[in-house]
Structures are given as C-alpha cells and as structure tokens.
Amino acid sequence: MFTIICYDVVIDKRRTKVMKLLKGYGTRVQYSVFECYLSSQELTKLGRQLRKLIDPKTDSVRCYRLDTLAVQRIQIVGIGQVTADEGYYLVRDVP
C-alpha cells in the first residue's frame, strides 16, 4: 500500500540513520518525507527498526497509509511527481 513517511528527529546522527533506513524502503521526495509501497509485513518490520533508532521522547516518525483513490487525489504544487509503483523489476546478467 502507498505509504507516506515523514520524520522529525532532533539529533543529526539519529536523523541520518533514519534517512538511510528509509532509503531502503522508498523514494525521498522532500528533506524528511519518503513515499513507499509497503506491505503490512514490511511496515511492521520498518516500525520495529525505527523504534530502535529514534528517541520517543524527542523524535517523531509518522506513517500515512493511502488507498488507491487517495493516491489519485494527491496534488503537488511545484516540482515533483507522486512515486509510481514499478510493479516489476528488470534482472539481467552483467558480464
């Protein structure tokens, strides 16, 4: 499911770790915002990983799950486009 993840992490070192983790799950569309296509299992796994990285007393990570109709209603003012789910991957041998 299309998921928007945004974060506010106080300490630079933790913020960098969160950013690097999220890069493995989706596309960075703004400084602290990622768009991802995640299954329920992937979101659960990501949540566990994030809890290990952040300080819940000072940091915040928000995950917004959007259905297909909600994704179609996203409006962007300025540059950028909504991240598309490729649905397939190209695998090839490299000599």
C-alpha atoms as a PDB file:
ATOM      1  CA  MET A   1       0.000   0.000   0.000  1.00  0.00           C
ATOM      2  CA  PHE A   2       1.192   3.542  -0.749  1.00  0.00           C
ATOM      3  CA  THR A   3       2.690   4.957   2.445  1.00  0.00           C
ATOM      4  CA  ILE A   4       3.959   8.442   3.183  1.00  0.00           C
ATOM      5  CA  ILE A   5       6.563   8.522   5.945  1.00  0.00           C
ATOM      6  CA  CYS A   6       7.745  11.776   7.473  1.00  0.00           C
ATOM      7  CA  TYR A   7      10.047  12.314  10.402  1.00  0.00           C
ATOM      8  CA  ASP A   8      11.318  14.929  12.799  1.00  0.00           C
ATOM      9  CA  VAL A   9      14.465  13.675  14.507  1.00  0.00           C
ATOM     10  CA  VAL A  10      16.369  16.070  16.763  1.00  0.00           C
ATOM     11  CA  ILE A  11      19.915  14.655  16.700  1.00  0.00           C
ATOM     12  CA  ASP A  12      21.780  14.729  13.361  1.00  0.00           C
ATOM     13  CA  LYS A  13      23.352  11.287  13.800  1.00  0.00           C
ATOM     14  CA  ARG A  14      19.962   9.639  14.501  1.00  0.00           C
ATOM     15  CA  ARG A  15      18.330  11.604  11.694  1.00  0.00           C
ATOM     16  CA  THR A  16      20.945  10.325   9.235  1.00  0.00           C
ATOM     17  CA  LYS A  17      20.339   6.733  10.362  1.00  0.00           C
ATOM     18  CA  VAL A  18      16.579   7.135   9.904  1.00  0.00           C
ATOM     19  CA  MET A  19      17.090   8.635   6.440  1.00  0.00           C
ATOM     20  CA  LYS A  20      19.407   5.804   5.367  1.00  0.00           C
ATOM     21  CA  LEU A  21      16.954   3.192   6.653  1.00  0.00           C
ATOM     22  CA  LEU A  22      14.045   4.779   4.777  1.00  0.00           C
ATOM     23  CA  LYS A  23      16.083   4.980   1.544  1.00  0.00           C
ATOM     24  CA  GLY A  24      15.957   1.193   1.544  1.00  0.00           C
ATOM     25  CA  TYR A  25      12.162   1.246   1.585  1.00  0.00           C
ATOM     26  CA  GLY A  26      11.127   4.087  -0.702  1.00  0.00           C
ATOM     27  CA  THR A  27      11.771   7.342  -2.516  1.00  0.00           C
ATOM     28  CA  ARG A  28      12.837  10.519  -0.777  1.00  0.00           C
ATOM     29  CA  VAL A  29      10.534  13.283  -2.052  1.00  0.00           C
ATOM     30  CA  GLN A  30      11.400  16.039   0.426  1.00  0.00           C
ATOM     31  CA  TYR A  31      14.053  16.524   3.089  1.00  0.00           C
ATOM     32  CA  SER A  32      12.249  14.426   5.706  1.00  0.00           C
ATOM     33  CA  VAL A  33       9.497  12.799   3.636  1.00  0.00           C
ATOM     34  CA  PHE A  34       9.502   9.449   1.846  1.00  0.00           C
ATOM     35  CA  GLU A  35       6.943   7.757  -0.397  1.00  0.00           C
ATOM     36  CA  CYS A  36       6.926   3.973  -0.222  1.00  0.00           C
ATOM     37  CA  TYR A  37       4.908   0.997  -1.385  1.00  0.00           C
ATOM     38  CA  LEU A  38       4.870  -1.310   1.640  1.00  0.00           C
ATOM     39  CA  SER A  39       3.056  -4.471   2.537  1.00  0.00           C
ATOM     40  CA  SER A  40       1.709  -4.806   6.073  1.00  0.00           C
ATOM     41  CA  GLN A  41       4.663  -7.039   6.920  1.00  0.00           C
ATOM     42  CA  GLU A  42       7.170  -4.526   5.555  1.00  0.00           C
ATOM     43  CA  LEU A  43       5.562  -1.695   7.527  1.00  0.00           C
ATOM     44  CA  THR A  44       5.684  -3.786  10.702  1.00  0.00           C
ATOM     45  CA  LYS A  45       9.361  -4.579  10.127  1.00  0.00           C
ATOM     46  CA  LEU A  46      10.137  -0.931   9.380  1.00  0.00           C
ATOM     47  CA  GLY A  47       8.331   0.149  12.552  1.00  0.00           C
ATOM     48  CA  ARG A  48      10.495  -2.189  14.635  1.00  0.00           C
ATOM     49  CA  GLN A  49      13.649  -0.846  13.004  1.00  0.00           C
ATOM     50  CA  LEU A  50      12.612   2.773  13.516  1.00  0.00           C
ATOM     51  CA  ARG A  51      11.820   2.211  17.211  1.00  0.00           C
ATOM     52  CA  LYS A  52      15.416   1.075  17.683  1.00  0.00           C
ATOM     53  CA  LEU A  53      16.783   4.246  16.078  1.00  0.00           C
ATOM     54  CA  ILE A  54      14.715   7.095  17.497  1.00  0.00           C
ATOM     55  CA  ASP A  55      14.233   8.601  20.945  1.00  0.00           C
ATOM     56  CA  PRO A  56      10.458   8.505  21.534  1.00  0.00           C
ATOM     57  CA  LYS A  57      10.747  11.399  23.994  1.00  0.00           C
ATOM     58  CA  THR A  58      12.122  13.852  21.408  1.00  0.00           C
ATOM     59  CA  ASP A  59      11.672  12.344  17.925  1.00  0.00           C
ATOM     60  CA  SER A  60       8.647  11.639  15.760  1.00  0.00           C
ATOM     61  CA  VAL A  61       8.007   9.402  12.745  1.00  0.00           C
ATOM     62  CA  ARG A  62       4.584   9.389  11.080  1.00  0.00           C
ATOM     63  CA  CYS A  63       3.348   6.818   8.569  1.00  0.00           C
ATOM     64  CA  TYR A  64       0.280   7.595   6.477  1.00  0.00           C
ATOM     65  CA  ARG A  65      -1.248   4.690   4.516  1.00  0.00           C
ATOM     66  CA  LEU A  66      -3.200   5.785   1.445  1.00  0.00           C
ATOM     67  CA  ASP A  67      -5.570   3.694  -0.638  1.00  0.00           C
ATOM     68  CA  THR A  68      -5.624   3.949  -4.433  1.00  0.00           C
ATOM     69  CA  LEU A  69      -8.274   6.673  -4.515  1.00  0.00           C
ATOM     70  CA  ALA A  70      -6.380   8.810  -2.006  1.00  0.00           C
ATOM     71  CA  VAL A  71      -3.170   8.453  -4.043  1.00  0.00           C
ATOM     72  CA  GLN A  72      -5.027   9.614  -7.157  1.00  0.00           C
ATOM     73  CA  ARG A  73      -6.131  12.753  -5.289  1.00  0.00           C
ATOM     74  CA  ILE A  74      -2.600  13.808  -4.275  1.00  0.00           C
ATOM     75  CA  GLN A  75      -1.871  17.304  -5.520  1.00  0.00           C
ATOM     76  CA  ILE A  76       1.642  18.602  -5.981  1.00  0.00           C
ATOM     77  CA  VAL A  77       2.314  22.314  -6.289  1.00  0.00           C
ATOM     78  CA  GLY A  78       5.715  22.938  -7.815  1.00  0.00           C
ATOM     79  CA  ILE A  79       8.215  20.343  -8.931  1.00  0.00           C
ATOM     80  CA  GLY A  80       7.952  16.594  -8.415  1.00  0.00           C
ATOM     81  CA  GLN A  81       5.601  13.747  -9.038  1.00  0.00           C
ATOM     82  CA  VAL A  82       3.969  11.017  -6.995  1.00  0.00           C
ATOM     83  CA  THR A  83       6.188   7.945  -6.724  1.00  0.00           C
ATOM     84  CA  ALA A  84       4.951   5.167  -9.009  1.00  0.00           C
ATOM     85  CA  ASP A  85       4.974   1.507  -8.057  1.00  0.00           C
ATOM     86  CA  GLU A  86       7.035  -0.119 -10.781  1.00  0.00           C
ATOM     87  CA  GLY A  87       5.301  -3.457 -10.254  1.00  0.00           C
ATOM     88  CA  TYR A  88       8.190  -5.259 -11.904  1.00  0.00           C
ATOM     89  CA  TYR A  89      11.965  -5.448 -11.761  1.00  0.00           C
ATOM     90  CA  LEU A  90      14.486  -5.937 -14.532  1.00  0.00           C
ATOM     91  CA  VAL A  91      17.110  -8.544 -13.703  1.00  0.00           C
ATOM     92  CA  ARG A  92      19.968  -9.132 -16.091  1.00  0.00           C
ATOM     93  CA  ASP A  93      23.384 -10.711 -16.146  1.00  0.00           C
ATOM     94  CA  VAL A  94      26.310  -8.340 -16.322  1.00  0.00           C
ATOM     95  CA  PRO A  95      29.432  -9.823 -17.945  1.00  0.00           C
END
